[in-house]
């Protein structure tokens, strides 16, 4: 039996990860709701996960650079993702 790869490794972090997910969804313009979100397209769901990973990588790089990393211009990327999500058909 295969195990799922998207399990929370630190159970105490579940609330923080849920909050992070909703924040990322809002940033990319996806209407995410509590519970089941089966009405999302693959593109919408992927943009949420992609935004989460982008922010985690940026945070890690900033920490490795001692906090002196230049600010990443994410506004243009976010606007592009929002436009794609709004124009995508189900």
PDB file of N, CA and C in Angstrom:
ATOM      1  N   UNK A   1       0.832  -1.163   0.000  1.00  0.00           N
ATOM      2  CA  UNK A   1       0.000   0.000   0.000  1.00  0.00           C
ATOM      3  C   UNK A   1       0.889   1.243   0.000  1.00  0.00           C
ATOM      4  N   UNK A   2       0.605   2.149  -0.906  1.00  0.00           N
ATOM      5  CA  UNK A   2       1.387   3.375  -1.008  1.00  0.00           C
ATOM      6  C   UNK A   2       0.885   4.397   0.000  1.00  0.00           C
ATOM      7  N   UNK A   3       1.832   5.154   0.547  1.00  0.00           N
ATOM      8  CA  UNK A   3       1.431   6.197   1.490  1.00  0.00           C
ATOM      9  C   UNK A   3       1.310   7.526   0.756  1.00  0.00           C
ATOM     10  N   UNK A   4       0.464   8.382   1.268  1.00  0.00           N
ATOM     11  CA  UNK A   4       0.290   9.699   0.671  1.00  0.00           C
ATOM     12  C   UNK A   4       1.482  10.573   1.020  1.00  0.00           C
ATOM     13  N   UNK A   5       1.912  11.383   0.083  1.00  0.00           N
ATOM     14  CA  UNK A   5       3.080  12.219   0.290  1.00  0.00           C
ATOM     15  C   UNK A   5       2.777  13.600   0.826  1.00  0.00           C
ATOM     16  N   UNK A   6       1.489  13.945   0.960  1.00  0.00           N
ATOM     17  CA  UNK A   6       1.163  15.304   1.384  1.00  0.00           C
ATOM     18  C   UNK A   6       0.667  15.359   2.830  1.00  0.00           C
ATOM     19  N   UNK A   7       1.234  14.540   3.676  1.00  0.00           N
ATOM     20  CA  UNK A   7       0.847  14.541   5.074  1.00  0.00           C
ATOM     21  C   UNK A   7       1.638  15.603   5.833  1.00  0.00           C
ATOM     22  N   UNK A   8       1.007  16.185   6.831  1.00  0.00           N
ATOM     23  CA  UNK A   8       1.678  17.148   7.705  1.00  0.00           C
ATOM     24  C   UNK A   8       2.616  16.376   8.621  1.00  0.00           C
ATOM     25  N   UNK A   9       3.894  16.700   8.579  1.00  0.00           N
ATOM     26  CA  UNK A   9       4.876  15.980   9.385  1.00  0.00           C
ATOM     27  C   UNK A   9       4.860  16.430  10.839  1.00  0.00           C
ATOM     28  N   UNK A  10       4.500  17.678  11.072  1.00  0.00           N
ATOM     29  CA  UNK A  10       4.401  18.214  12.430  1.00  0.00           C
ATOM     30  C   UNK A  10       2.934  18.569  12.654  1.00  0.00           C
ATOM     31  N   UNK A  11       2.201  17.732  13.379  1.00  0.00           N
ATOM     32  CA  UNK A  11       0.763  17.955  13.541  1.00  0.00           C
ATOM     33  C   UNK A  11       0.409  19.337  14.092  1.00  0.00           C
ATOM     34  N   UNK A  12       1.262  19.921  14.908  1.00  0.00           N
ATOM     35  CA  UNK A  12       0.995  21.232  15.474  1.00  0.00           C
ATOM     36  C   UNK A  12       1.017  22.328  14.404  1.00  0.00           C
ATOM     37  N   UNK A  13       1.547  22.043  13.231  1.00  0.00           N
ATOM     38  CA  UNK A  13       1.664  23.042  12.167  1.00  0.00           C
ATOM     39  C   UNK A  13       0.458  23.043  11.230  1.00  0.00           C
ATOM     40  N   UNK A  14      -0.526  22.178  11.458  1.00  0.00           N
ATOM     41  CA  UNK A  14      -1.661  22.067  10.543  1.00  0.00           C
ATOM     42  C   UNK A  14      -2.398  23.391  10.378  1.00  0.00           C
ATOM     43  N   UNK A  15      -2.699  24.071  11.467  1.00  0.00           N
ATOM     44  CA  UNK A  15      -3.429  25.345  11.385  1.00  0.00           C
ATOM     45  C   UNK A  15      -2.617  26.389  10.620  1.00  0.00           C
ATOM     46  N   UNK A  16      -1.323  26.437  10.875  1.00  0.00           N
ATOM     47  CA  UNK A  16      -0.469  27.402  10.178  1.00  0.00           C
ATOM     48  C   UNK A  16      -0.401  27.093   8.684  1.00  0.00           C
ATOM     49  N   UNK A  17      -0.329  25.827   8.322  1.00  0.00           N
ATOM     50  CA  UNK A  17      -0.284  25.447   6.905  1.00  0.00           C
ATOM     51  C   UNK A  17      -1.610  25.759   6.212  1.00  0.00           C
ATOM     52  N   UNK A  18      -2.731  25.544   6.904  1.00  0.00           N
ATOM     53  CA  UNK A  18      -4.027  25.889   6.324  1.00  0.00           C
ATOM     54  C   UNK A  18      -4.117  27.396   6.077  1.00  0.00           C
ATOM     55  N   UNK A  19      -3.661  28.173   7.033  1.00  0.00           N
ATOM     56  CA  UNK A  19      -3.662  29.623   6.887  1.00  0.00           C
ATOM     57  C   UNK A  19      -2.765  30.043   5.722  1.00  0.00           C
ATOM     58  N   UNK A  20      -1.607  29.415   5.612  1.00  0.00           N
ATOM     59  CA  UNK A  20      -0.662  29.692   4.529  1.00  0.00           C
ATOM     60  C   UNK A  20      -1.297  29.372   3.174  1.00  0.00           C
ATOM     61  N   UNK A  21      -2.022  28.261   3.108  1.00  0.00           N
ATOM     62  CA  UNK A  21      -2.683  27.848   1.864  1.00  0.00           C
ATOM     63  C   UNK A  21      -3.736  28.878   1.444  1.00  0.00           C
ATOM     64  N   UNK A  22      -4.549  29.349   2.401  1.00  0.00           N
ATOM     65  CA  UNK A  22      -5.570  30.341   2.080  1.00  0.00           C
ATOM     66  C   UNK A  22      -4.947  31.675   1.666  1.00  0.00           C
ATOM     67  N   UNK A  23      -3.837  32.028   2.289  1.00  0.00           N
ATOM     68  CA  UNK A  23      -3.122  33.255   1.916  1.00  0.00           C
ATOM     69  C   UNK A  23      -2.605  33.150   0.484  1.00  0.00           C
ATOM     70  N   UNK A  24      -2.007  32.019   0.149  1.00  0.00           N
ATOM     71  CA  UNK A  24      -1.485  31.819  -1.209  1.00  0.00           C
ATOM     72  C   UNK A  24      -2.620  31.828  -2.230  1.00  0.00           C
ATOM     73  N   UNK A  25      -3.750  31.224  -1.892  1.00  0.00           N
ATOM     74  CA  UNK A  25      -4.900  31.202  -2.803  1.00  0.00           C
ATOM     75  C   UNK A  25      -5.403  32.617  -3.063  1.00  0.00           C
ATOM     76  N   UNK A  26      -5.475  33.414  -2.023  1.00  0.00           N
ATOM     77  CA  UNK A  26      -5.932  34.790  -2.177  1.00  0.00           C
ATOM     78  C   UNK A  26      -4.964  35.577  -3.061  1.00  0.00           C
ATOM     79  N   UNK A  27      -3.666  35.351  -2.888  1.00  0.00           N
ATOM     80  CA  UNK A  27      -2.657  36.075  -3.671  1.00  0.00           C
ATOM     81  C   UNK A  27      -2.753  35.781  -5.155  1.00  0.00           C
ATOM     82  N   UNK A  28      -3.118  34.561  -5.515  1.00  0.00           N
ATOM     83  CA  UNK A  28      -3.203  34.199  -6.934  1.00  0.00           C
ATOM     84  C   UNK A  28      -4.629  34.307  -7.473  1.00  0.00           C
ATOM     85  N   UNK A  29      -5.563  34.784  -6.634  1.00  0.00           N
ATOM     86  CA  UNK A  29      -6.921  35.045  -7.106  1.00  0.00           C
ATOM     87  C   UNK A  29      -7.816  33.831  -7.216  1.00  0.00           C
ATOM     88  N   UNK A  30      -7.584  32.817  -6.397  1.00  0.00           N
ATOM     89  CA  UNK A  30      -8.415  31.612  -6.408  1.00  0.00           C
ATOM     90  C   UNK A  30      -9.316  31.632  -5.185  1.00  0.00           C
ATOM     91  N   UNK A  31     -10.602  31.386  -5.404  1.00  0.00           N
ATOM     92  CA  UNK A  31     -11.575  31.369  -4.315  1.00  0.00           C
ATOM     93  C   UNK A  31     -11.547  29.994  -3.649  1.00  0.00           C
ATOM     94  N   UNK A  32     -10.786  29.882  -2.584  1.00  0.00           N
ATOM     95  CA  UNK A  32     -10.643  28.630  -1.847  1.00  0.00           C
ATOM     96  C   UNK A  32     -11.564  28.684  -0.647  1.00  0.00           C
ATOM     97  N   UNK A  33     -12.258  27.579  -0.384  1.00  0.00           N
ATOM     98  CA  UNK A  33     -13.162  27.542   0.758  1.00  0.00           C
ATOM     99  C   UNK A  33     -12.774  26.409   1.692  1.00  0.00           C
ATOM    100  N   UNK A  34     -13.269  26.471   2.927  1.00  0.00           N
ATOM    101  CA  UNK A  34     -13.017  25.401   3.889  1.00  0.00           C
ATOM    102  C   UNK A  34     -13.630  24.109   3.352  1.00  0.00           C
ATOM    103  N   UNK A  35     -12.977  22.996   3.621  1.00  0.00           N
ATOM    104  CA  UNK A  35     -13.523  21.703   3.208  1.00  0.00           C
ATOM    105  C   UNK A  35     -13.160  21.338   1.783  1.00  0.00           C
ATOM    106  N   UNK A  36     -14.085  20.706   1.114  1.00  0.00           N
ATOM    107  CA  UNK A  36     -13.874  20.159  -0.225  1.00  0.00           C
ATOM    108  C   UNK A  36     -13.818  21.263  -1.277  1.00  0.00           C
ATOM    109  N   UNK A  37     -12.813  21.204  -2.149  1.00  0.00           N
ATOM    110  CA  UNK A  37     -12.636  22.182  -3.221  1.00  0.00           C
ATOM    111  C   UNK A  37     -12.520  21.492  -4.577  1.00  0.00           C
ATOM    112  N   UNK A  38     -13.356  20.496  -4.791  1.00  0.00           N
ATOM    113  CA  UNK A  38     -13.310  19.723  -6.029  1.00  0.00           C
ATOM    114  C   UNK A  38     -13.712  20.488  -7.265  1.00  0.00           C
ATOM    115  N   UNK A  39     -14.253  21.676  -7.088  1.00  0.00           N
ATOM    116  CA  UNK A  39     -14.655  22.478  -8.237  1.00  0.00           C
ATOM    117  C   UNK A  39     -13.495  23.278  -8.832  1.00  0.00           C
ATOM    118  N   UNK A  40     -12.328  23.236  -8.203  1.00  0.00           N
ATOM    119  CA  UNK A  40     -11.165  23.953  -8.738  1.00  0.00           C
ATOM    120  C   UNK A  40     -10.589  23.222  -9.942  1.00  0.00           C
ATOM    121  N   UNK A  41     -10.091  23.984 -10.894  1.00  0.00           N
ATOM    122  CA  UNK A  41      -9.400  23.364 -12.018  1.00  0.00           C
ATOM    123  C   UNK A  41      -7.996  22.964 -11.570  1.00  0.00           C
ATOM    124  N   UNK A  42      -7.368  22.124 -12.342  1.00  0.00           N
ATOM    125  CA  UNK A  42      -5.990  21.728 -12.038  1.00  0.00           C
ATOM    126  C   UNK A  42      -5.078  22.944 -12.046  1.00  0.00           C
ATOM    127  N   UNK A  43      -5.312  23.855 -12.955  1.00  0.00           N
ATOM    128  CA  UNK A  43      -4.494  25.067 -13.040  1.00  0.00           C
ATOM    129  C   UNK A  43      -4.632  25.894 -11.760  1.00  0.00           C
ATOM    130  N   UNK A  44      -5.854  26.046 -11.273  1.00  0.00           N
ATOM    131  CA  UNK A  44      -6.073  26.828 -10.056  1.00  0.00           C
ATOM    132  C   UNK A  44      -5.401  26.170  -8.855  1.00  0.00           C
ATOM    133  N   UNK A  45      -5.614  24.878  -8.705  1.00  0.00           N
ATOM    134  CA  UNK A  45      -5.000  24.161  -7.577  1.00  0.00           C
ATOM    135  C   UNK A  45      -3.477  24.214  -7.674  1.00  0.00           C
ATOM    136  N   UNK A  46      -2.958  24.047  -8.868  1.00  0.00           N
ATOM    137  CA  UNK A  46      -1.514  24.097  -9.064  1.00  0.00           C
ATOM    138  C   UNK A  46      -0.931  25.461  -8.785  1.00  0.00           C
ATOM    139  N   UNK A  47      -1.689  26.505  -9.105  1.00  0.00           N
ATOM    140  CA  UNK A  47      -1.173  27.852  -8.850  1.00  0.00           C
ATOM    141  C   UNK A  47      -1.077  28.121  -7.354  1.00  0.00           C
ATOM    142  N   UNK A  48      -1.974  27.537  -6.566  1.00  0.00           N
ATOM    143  CA  UNK A  48      -1.908  27.688  -5.105  1.00  0.00           C
ATOM    144  C   UNK A  48      -0.651  26.996  -4.584  1.00  0.00           C
ATOM    145  N   UNK A  49      -0.475  25.739  -4.969  1.00  0.00           N
ATOM    146  CA  UNK A  49       0.707  24.999  -4.531  1.00  0.00           C
ATOM    147  C   UNK A  49       1.990  25.643  -5.015  1.00  0.00           C
ATOM    148  N   UNK A  50       1.991  26.114  -6.247  1.00  0.00           N
ATOM    149  CA  UNK A  50       3.175  26.769  -6.798  1.00  0.00           C
ATOM    150  C   UNK A  50       3.523  28.034  -6.046  1.00  0.00           C
ATOM    151  N   UNK A  51       2.495  28.808  -5.673  1.00  0.00           N
ATOM    152  CA  UNK A  51       2.737  30.031  -4.913  1.00  0.00           C
ATOM    153  C   UNK A  51       3.291  29.699  -3.536  1.00  0.00           C
ATOM    154  N   UNK A  52       2.776  28.643  -2.915  1.00  0.00           N
ATOM    155  CA  UNK A  52       3.275  28.234  -1.600  1.00  0.00           C
ATOM    156  C   UNK A  52       4.749  27.849  -1.687  1.00  0.00           C
ATOM    157  N   UNK A  53       5.096  27.063  -2.699  1.00  0.00           N
ATOM    158  CA  UNK A  53       6.486  26.641  -2.865  1.00  0.00           C
ATOM    159  C   UNK A  53       7.381  27.833  -3.159  1.00  0.00           C
ATOM    160  N   UNK A  54       6.911  28.743  -4.018  1.00  0.00           N
ATOM    161  CA  UNK A  54       7.701  29.927  -4.353  1.00  0.00           C
ATOM    162  C   UNK A  54       8.026  30.730  -3.094  1.00  0.00           C
ATOM    163  N   UNK A  55       7.031  30.900  -2.225  1.00  0.00           N
ATOM    164  CA  UNK A  55       7.236  31.671  -1.000  1.00  0.00           C
ATOM    165  C   UNK A  55       8.169  30.939  -0.031  1.00  0.00           C
ATOM    166  N   UNK A  56       8.044  29.606   0.044  1.00  0.00           N
ATOM    167  CA  UNK A  56       8.920  28.838   0.936  1.00  0.00           C
ATOM    168  C   UNK A  56      10.368  28.885   0.450  1.00  0.00           C
ATOM    169  N   UNK A  57      10.574  28.759  -0.851  1.00  0.00           N
ATOM    170  CA  UNK A  57      11.928  28.821  -1.405  1.00  0.00           C
ATOM    171  C   UNK A  57      12.520  30.207  -1.182  1.00  0.00           C
ATOM    172  N   UNK A  58      11.728  31.244  -1.425  1.00  0.00           N
ATOM    173  CA  UNK A  58      12.206  32.605  -1.221  1.00  0.00           C
ATOM    174  C   UNK A  58      12.603  32.820   0.238  1.00  0.00           C
ATOM    175  N   UNK A  59      11.769  32.353   1.168  1.00  0.00           N
ATOM    176  CA  UNK A  59      12.054  32.500   2.585  1.00  0.00           C
ATOM    177  C   UNK A  59      13.355  31.774   2.955  1.00  0.00           C
ATOM    178  N   UNK A  60      13.526  30.574   2.424  1.00  0.00           N
ATOM    179  CA  UNK A  60      14.742  29.812   2.704  1.00  0.00           C
ATOM    180  C   UNK A  60      15.973  30.533   2.153  1.00  0.00           C
ATOM    181  N   UNK A  61      15.880  31.032   0.924  1.00  0.00           N
ATOM    182  CA  UNK A  61      17.009  31.732   0.325  1.00  0.00           C
ATOM    183  C   UNK A  61      17.345  32.996   1.102  1.00  0.00           C
ATOM    184  N   UNK A  62      16.319  33.713   1.553  1.00  0.00           N
ATOM    185  CA  UNK A  62      16.557  34.925   2.330  1.00  0.00           C
ATOM    186  C   UNK A  62      17.258  34.589   3.642  1.00  0.00           C
ATOM    187  N   UNK A  63      16.864  33.502   4.272  1.00  0.00           N
ATOM    188  CA  UNK A  63      17.516  33.090   5.517  1.00  0.00           C
ATOM    189  C   UNK A  63      18.964  32.687   5.269  1.00  0.00           C
ATOM    190  N   UNK A  64      19.220  31.992   4.168  1.00  0.00           N
ATOM    191  CA  UNK A  64      20.579  31.571   3.839  1.00  0.00           C
ATOM    192  C   UNK A  64      21.470  32.770   3.530  1.00  0.00           C
ATOM    193  N   UNK A  65      20.885  33.814   2.975  1.00  0.00           N
ATOM    194  CA  UNK A  65      21.644  35.010   2.633  1.00  0.00           C
ATOM    195  C   UNK A  65      21.740  35.961   3.823  1.00  0.00           C
ATOM    196  N   UNK A  66      21.300  35.528   4.959  1.00  0.00           N
ATOM    197  CA  UNK A  66      21.363  36.371   6.143  1.00  0.00           C
ATOM    198  C   UNK A  66      20.333  37.471   6.145  1.00  0.00           C
ATOM    199  N   UNK A  67      19.253  37.279   5.400  1.00  0.00           N
ATOM    200  CA  UNK A  67      18.189  38.275   5.366  1.00  0.00           C
ATOM    201  C   UNK A  67      18.482  39.444   4.457  1.00  0.00           C
ATOM    202  N   UNK A  68      19.595  39.398   3.723  1.00  0.00           N
ATOM    203  CA  UNK A  68      19.951  40.530   2.878  1.00  0.00           C
ATOM    204  C   UNK A  68      19.579  40.306   1.416  1.00  0.00           C
ATOM    205  N   UNK A  69      18.721  39.319   1.155  1.00  0.00           N
ATOM    206  CA  UNK A  69      18.314  39.047  -0.225  1.00  0.00           C
ATOM    207  C   UNK A  69      17.489  40.204  -0.760  1.00  0.00           C
ATOM    208  N   UNK A  70      17.649  40.484  -2.044  1.00  0.00           N
ATOM    209  CA  UNK A  70      16.879  41.561  -2.658  1.00  0.00           C
ATOM    210  C   UNK A  70      15.421  41.142  -2.728  1.00  0.00           C
ATOM    211  N   UNK A  71      14.549  42.125  -2.648  1.00  0.00           N
ATOM    212  CA  UNK A  71      13.108  41.862  -2.714  1.00  0.00           C
ATOM    213  C   UNK A  71      12.757  41.300  -4.078  1.00  0.00           C
ATOM    214  N   UNK A  72      11.985  40.220  -4.066  1.00  0.00           N
ATOM    215  CA  UNK A  72      11.589  39.558  -5.299  1.00  0.00           C
ATOM    216  C   UNK A  72      10.371  40.266  -5.880  1.00  0.00           C
ATOM    217  N   UNK A  73      10.380  40.535  -7.166  1.00  0.00           N
ATOM    218  CA  UNK A  73       9.244  41.205  -7.791  1.00  0.00           C
ATOM    219  C   UNK A  73       8.184  40.170  -8.130  1.00  0.00           C
ATOM    220  N   UNK A  74       7.325  39.885  -7.141  1.00  0.00           N
ATOM    221  CA  UNK A  74       6.300  38.867  -7.321  1.00  0.00           C
ATOM    222  C   UNK A  74       4.996  39.469  -7.825  1.00  0.00           C
ATOM    223  N   UNK A  75       4.853  40.785  -7.825  1.00  0.00           N
ATOM    224  CA  UNK A  75       3.605  41.418  -8.221  1.00  0.00           C
ATOM    225  C   UNK A  75       3.244  41.069  -9.652  1.00  0.00           C
ATOM    226  N   UNK A  76       4.213  41.149 -10.547  1.00  0.00           N
ATOM    227  CA  UNK A  76       3.948  40.841 -11.949  1.00  0.00           C
ATOM    228  C   UNK A  76       3.560  39.375 -12.107  1.00  0.00           C
ATOM    229  N   UNK A  77       4.263  38.476 -11.427  1.00  0.00           N
ATOM    230  CA  UNK A  77       3.936  37.059 -11.488  1.00  0.00           C
ATOM    231  C   UNK A  77       2.532  36.798 -10.966  1.00  0.00           C
ATOM    232  N   UNK A  78       2.163  37.434  -9.843  1.00  0.00           N
ATOM    233  CA  UNK A  78       0.843  37.232  -9.258  1.00  0.00           C
ATOM    234  C   UNK A  78      -0.253  37.728 -10.187  1.00  0.00           C
ATOM    235  N   UNK A  79      -0.043  38.885 -10.814  1.00  0.00           N
ATOM    236  CA  UNK A  79      -1.044  39.406 -11.743  1.00  0.00           C
ATOM    237  C   UNK A  79      -1.227  38.481 -12.932  1.00  0.00           C
ATOM    238  N   UNK A  80      -0.152  37.920 -13.438  1.00  0.00           N
ATOM    239  CA  UNK A  80      -0.230  36.980 -14.555  1.00  0.00           C
ATOM    240  C   UNK A  80      -1.015  35.741 -14.153  1.00  0.00           C
ATOM    241  N   UNK A  81      -0.734  35.197 -12.982  1.00  0.00           N
ATOM    242  CA  UNK A  81      -1.431  34.002 -12.503  1.00  0.00           C
ATOM    243  C   UNK A  81      -2.914  34.306 -12.299  1.00  0.00           C
ATOM    244  N   UNK A  82      -3.235  35.463 -11.713  1.00  0.00           N
ATOM    245  CA  UNK A  82      -4.642  35.833 -11.508  1.00  0.00           C
ATOM    246  C   UNK A  82      -5.385  35.901 -12.836  1.00  0.00           C
ATOM    247  N   UNK A  83      -4.754  36.519 -13.839  1.00  0.00           N
ATOM    248  CA  UNK A  83      -5.392  36.629 -15.146  1.00  0.00           C
ATOM    249  C   UNK A  83      -5.620  35.257 -15.754  1.00  0.00           C
ATOM    250  N   UNK A  84      -4.651  34.355 -15.635  1.00  0.00           N
ATOM    251  CA  UNK A  84      -4.795  33.014 -16.178  1.00  0.00           C
ATOM    252  C   UNK A  84      -5.913  32.254 -15.477  1.00  0.00           C
ATOM    253  N   UNK A  85      -5.991  32.387 -14.151  1.00  0.00           N
ATOM    254  CA  UNK A  85      -7.030  31.697 -13.400  1.00  0.00           C
ATOM    255  C   UNK A  85      -8.425  32.227 -13.721  1.00  0.00           C
ATOM    256  N   UNK A  86      -8.538  33.533 -13.940  1.00  0.00           N
ATOM    257  CA  UNK A  86      -9.830  34.111 -14.234  1.00  0.00           C
ATOM    258  C   UNK A  86     -10.282  33.793 -15.640  1.00  0.00           C
ATOM    259  N   UNK A  87      -9.355  33.616 -16.551  1.00  0.00           N
ATOM    260  CA  UNK A  87      -9.725  33.358 -17.943  1.00  0.00           C
ATOM    261  C   UNK A  87      -9.834  31.864 -18.266  1.00  0.00           C
ATOM    262  N   UNK A  88      -9.374  30.996 -17.355  1.00  0.00           N
ATOM    263  CA  UNK A  88      -9.424  29.563 -17.631  1.00  0.00           C
ATOM    264  C   UNK A  88     -10.857  29.059 -17.573  1.00  0.00           C
ATOM    265  N   UNK A  89     -11.178  28.159 -18.448  1.00  0.00           N
ATOM    266  CA  UNK A  89     -12.507  27.553 -18.510  1.00  0.00           C
ATOM    267  C   UNK A  89     -12.489  26.249 -17.746  1.00  0.00           C
ATOM    268  N   UNK A  90     -13.603  25.883 -17.165  1.00  0.00           N
ATOM    269  CA  UNK A  90     -13.700  24.629 -16.410  1.00  0.00           C
ATOM    270  C   UNK A  90     -13.773  23.492 -17.339  1.00  0.00           C
TER     271      UNK A  90
END
